Amino acid sequence: MFKNTFLMEKNTVEIKQIKLNNGTALGIKVMKDEKGPLVILIKADKGFIVCSNFSMKALEEKGVVAARVAGINSIETALETKIVEVTTKAKELGIEEGMLVEEGLEKMF
């Protein structure tokens, strides 16, 4: 994995490449303060894994391939957790609730 950390005003942005069997995803974490992340997002070729701060309703309305996870505080913990919600477009790729994030990401390539 490749890791870069950038300082943007008061927010720290962490960007990591995540090498998988089917491709390389990009993990992004934006810190609001030292208490925890504001946003965690993992981008694959066809879609996204998002944290609970994203509106699945909005992603669904825009026709985005997306799966949501909850209770995470890092890109690494996101990879080890289960998907709790998916959009219709994600279901069309075979991504399901209860699936491990890494398995869902593989289907997004």
C-alpha atoms as a PDB file:
ATOM      1  CA  MET A   1       0.000   0.000   0.000  1.00  0.00           C
ATOM      2  CA  PHE A   2       1.054   3.545  -0.737  1.00  0.00           C
ATOM      3  CA  LYS A   3       0.325   6.268   1.768  1.00  0.00           C
ATOM      4  CA  ASN A   4       0.430  10.035   1.498  1.00  0.00           C
ATOM      5  CA  THR A   5      -0.751  12.496   4.111  1.00  0.00           C
ATOM      6  CA  PHE A   6      -1.503  16.096   3.225  1.00  0.00           C
ATOM      7  CA  LEU A   7      -2.271  19.058   5.474  1.00  0.00           C
ATOM      8  CA  MET A   8      -5.092  21.235   4.178  1.00  0.00           C
ATOM      9  CA  GLU A   9      -5.782  24.127   6.533  1.00  0.00           C
ATOM     10  CA  LYS A  10      -7.120  22.421   9.688  1.00  0.00           C
ATOM     11  CA  ASN A  11      -8.063  19.147   8.002  1.00  0.00           C
ATOM     12  CA  THR A  12      -5.619  16.328   7.375  1.00  0.00           C
ATOM     13  CA  VAL A  13      -6.246  14.239   4.273  1.00  0.00           C
ATOM     14  CA  GLU A  14      -4.875  10.702   4.050  1.00  0.00           C
ATOM     15  CA  ILE A  15      -4.759   9.002   0.655  1.00  0.00           C
ATOM     16  CA  LYS A  16      -3.843   5.323   0.171  1.00  0.00           C
ATOM     17  CA  GLN A  17      -3.672   3.038  -2.808  1.00  0.00           C
ATOM     18  CA  ILE A  18      -5.300  -0.311  -2.041  1.00  0.00           C
ATOM     19  CA  LYS A  19      -4.039  -3.143  -4.238  1.00  0.00           C
ATOM     20  CA  LEU A  20      -6.650  -5.824  -4.855  1.00  0.00           C
ATOM     21  CA  ASN A  21      -6.788  -8.820  -7.201  1.00  0.00           C
ATOM     22  CA  ASN A  22      -8.934  -7.039  -9.799  1.00  0.00           C
ATOM     23  CA  GLY A  23      -7.412  -3.559  -9.600  1.00  0.00           C
ATOM     24  CA  THR A  24      -6.188  -0.765  -7.348  1.00  0.00           C
ATOM     25  CA  ALA A  25      -8.651   1.286  -5.303  1.00  0.00           C
ATOM     26  CA  LEU A  26      -8.009   4.670  -3.729  1.00  0.00           C
ATOM     27  CA  GLY A  27      -8.801   5.212  -0.043  1.00  0.00           C
ATOM     28  CA  ILE A  28      -9.384   8.759   1.193  1.00  0.00           C
ATOM     29  CA  LYS A  29      -9.809   9.848   4.798  1.00  0.00           C
ATOM     30  CA  VAL A  30     -10.462  13.456   5.815  1.00  0.00           C
ATOM     31  CA  MET A  31      -9.984  14.309   9.474  1.00  0.00           C
ATOM     32  CA  LYS A  32     -12.133  17.019  11.023  1.00  0.00           C
ATOM     33  CA  ASP A  33     -10.044  17.141  14.183  1.00  0.00           C
ATOM     34  CA  GLU A  34      -8.112  14.764  16.410  1.00  0.00           C
ATOM     35  CA  LYS A  35     -11.363  13.196  17.665  1.00  0.00           C
ATOM     36  CA  GLY A  36     -12.037  11.292  14.465  1.00  0.00           C
ATOM     37  CA  PRO A  37     -12.571  11.309  10.729  1.00  0.00           C
ATOM     38  CA  LEU A  38     -15.124  13.468   8.971  1.00  0.00           C
ATOM     39  CA  VAL A  39     -15.200  11.282   5.847  1.00  0.00           C
ATOM     40  CA  ILE A  40     -13.825   7.932   4.719  1.00  0.00           C
ATOM     41  CA  LEU A  41     -14.266   6.941   1.086  1.00  0.00           C
ATOM     42  CA  ILE A  42     -12.787   4.184  -1.065  1.00  0.00           C
ATOM     43  CA  LYS A  43     -12.989   4.666  -4.848  1.00  0.00           C
ATOM     44  CA  ALA A  44     -12.814   1.761  -7.312  1.00  0.00           C
ATOM     45  CA  ASP A  45     -13.255   1.905 -11.093  1.00  0.00           C
ATOM     46  CA  LYS A  46     -17.041   1.429 -11.031  1.00  0.00           C
ATOM     47  CA  GLY A  47     -18.051   2.759  -7.623  1.00  0.00           C
ATOM     48  CA  PHE A  48     -17.452   3.701  -4.019  1.00  0.00           C
ATOM     49  CA  ILE A  49     -17.373   2.385  -0.476  1.00  0.00           C
ATOM     50  CA  VAL A  50     -18.560   5.211   1.780  1.00  0.00           C
ATOM     51  CA  CYS A  51     -18.846   5.865   5.498  1.00  0.00           C
ATOM     52  CA  SER A  52     -22.098   6.659   7.270  1.00  0.00           C
ATOM     53  CA  ASN A  53     -21.634  10.418   6.725  1.00  0.00           C
ATOM     54  CA  PHE A  54     -22.733   9.966   3.099  1.00  0.00           C
ATOM     55  CA  SER A  55     -26.383  10.038   2.045  1.00  0.00           C
ATOM     56  CA  MET A  56     -27.253   6.727   0.404  1.00  0.00           C
ATOM     57  CA  LYS A  57     -30.511   8.307  -0.755  1.00  0.00           C
ATOM     58  CA  ALA A  58     -28.582  10.917  -2.744  1.00  0.00           C
ATOM     59  CA  LEU A  59     -26.195   8.318  -4.183  1.00  0.00           C
ATOM     60  CA  GLU A  60     -29.177   6.142  -5.161  1.00  0.00           C
ATOM     61  CA  GLU A  61     -30.943   9.074  -6.841  1.00  0.00           C
ATOM     62  CA  LYS A  62     -27.792   9.832  -8.862  1.00  0.00           C
ATOM     63  CA  GLY A  63     -27.440   6.199  -9.995  1.00  0.00           C
ATOM     64  CA  VAL A  64     -24.081   5.686  -8.269  1.00  0.00           C
ATOM     65  CA  VAL A  65     -22.580   2.273  -7.483  1.00  0.00           C
ATOM     66  CA  ALA A  66     -22.067   2.621  -3.725  1.00  0.00           C
ATOM     67  CA  ALA A  67     -21.907   0.536  -0.571  1.00  0.00           C
ATOM     68  CA  ARG A  68     -21.967   1.956   2.951  1.00  0.00           C
ATOM     69  CA  VAL A  69     -20.132   0.840   6.065  1.00  0.00           C
ATOM     70  CA  ALA A  70     -20.588   1.981   9.662  1.00  0.00           C
ATOM     71  CA  GLY A  71     -18.448   2.300  12.762  1.00  0.00           C
ATOM     72  CA  ILE A  72     -15.115   2.776  11.023  1.00  0.00           C
ATOM     73  CA  ASN A  73     -12.281   5.150  11.887  1.00  0.00           C
ATOM     74  CA  SER A  74      -9.665   4.267   9.255  1.00  0.00           C
ATOM     75  CA  ILE A  75      -9.287   2.986   5.719  1.00  0.00           C
ATOM     76  CA  GLU A  76      -7.870  -0.254   7.142  1.00  0.00           C
ATOM     77  CA  THR A  77     -10.874  -0.873   9.396  1.00  0.00           C
ATOM     78  CA  ALA A  78     -13.174  -0.164   6.452  1.00  0.00           C
ATOM     79  CA  LEU A  79     -11.539  -2.984   4.486  1.00  0.00           C
ATOM     80  CA  GLU A  80     -12.159  -5.432   7.337  1.00  0.00           C
ATOM     81  CA  THR A  81     -15.807  -4.585   7.958  1.00  0.00           C
ATOM     82  CA  LYS A  82     -19.078  -5.667   6.404  1.00  0.00           C
ATOM     83  CA  ILE A  83     -21.241  -3.640   4.071  1.00  0.00           C
ATOM     84  CA  VAL A  84     -24.462  -2.437   5.723  1.00  0.00           C
ATOM     85  CA  GLU A  85     -26.269  -0.789   2.794  1.00  0.00           C
ATOM     86  CA  VAL A  86     -25.989  -0.792  -1.004  1.00  0.00           C
ATOM     87  CA  THR A  87     -27.489   1.113  -3.918  1.00  0.00           C
ATOM     88  CA  THR A  88     -29.453  -0.573  -6.689  1.00  0.00           C
ATOM     89  CA  LYS A  89     -26.497  -0.130  -9.067  1.00  0.00           C
ATOM     90  CA  ALA A  90     -24.225  -1.899  -6.556  1.00  0.00           C
ATOM     91  CA  LYS A  91     -26.711  -4.784  -6.295  1.00  0.00           C
ATOM     92  CA  GLU A  92     -26.551  -5.117 -10.091  1.00  0.00           C
ATOM     93  CA  LEU A  93     -22.810  -5.832  -9.744  1.00  0.00           C
ATOM     94  CA  GLY A  94     -23.486  -8.535  -7.137  1.00  0.00           C
ATOM     95  CA  ILE A  95     -22.595  -6.428  -4.095  1.00  0.00           C
ATOM     96  CA  GLU A  96     -24.755  -7.275  -1.082  1.00  0.00           C
ATOM     97  CA  GLU A  97     -25.319  -6.203   2.501  1.00  0.00           C
ATOM     98  CA  GLY A  98     -23.242  -8.363   4.861  1.00  0.00           C
ATOM     99  CA  MET A  99     -20.456  -8.808   2.293  1.00  0.00           C
ATOM    100  CA  LEU A 100     -16.930  -7.864   3.354  1.00  0.00           C
ATOM    101  CA  VAL A 101     -15.791  -4.544   1.896  1.00  0.00           C
ATOM    102  CA  GLU A 102     -12.796  -6.102   0.152  1.00  0.00           C
ATOM    103  CA  GLU A 103     -15.102  -8.553  -1.675  1.00  0.00           C
ATOM    104  CA  GLY A 104     -17.428  -5.704  -2.664  1.00  0.00           C
ATOM    105  CA  LEU A 105     -14.507  -3.643  -3.958  1.00  0.00           C
ATOM    106  CA  GLU A 106     -13.336  -6.544  -6.143  1.00  0.00           C
ATOM    107  CA  LYS A 107     -16.736  -6.442  -7.873  1.00  0.00           C
ATOM    108  CA  MET A 108     -16.276  -2.733  -8.632  1.00  0.00           C
ATOM    109  CA  PHE A 109     -13.513  -3.390 -11.191  1.00  0.00           C
END
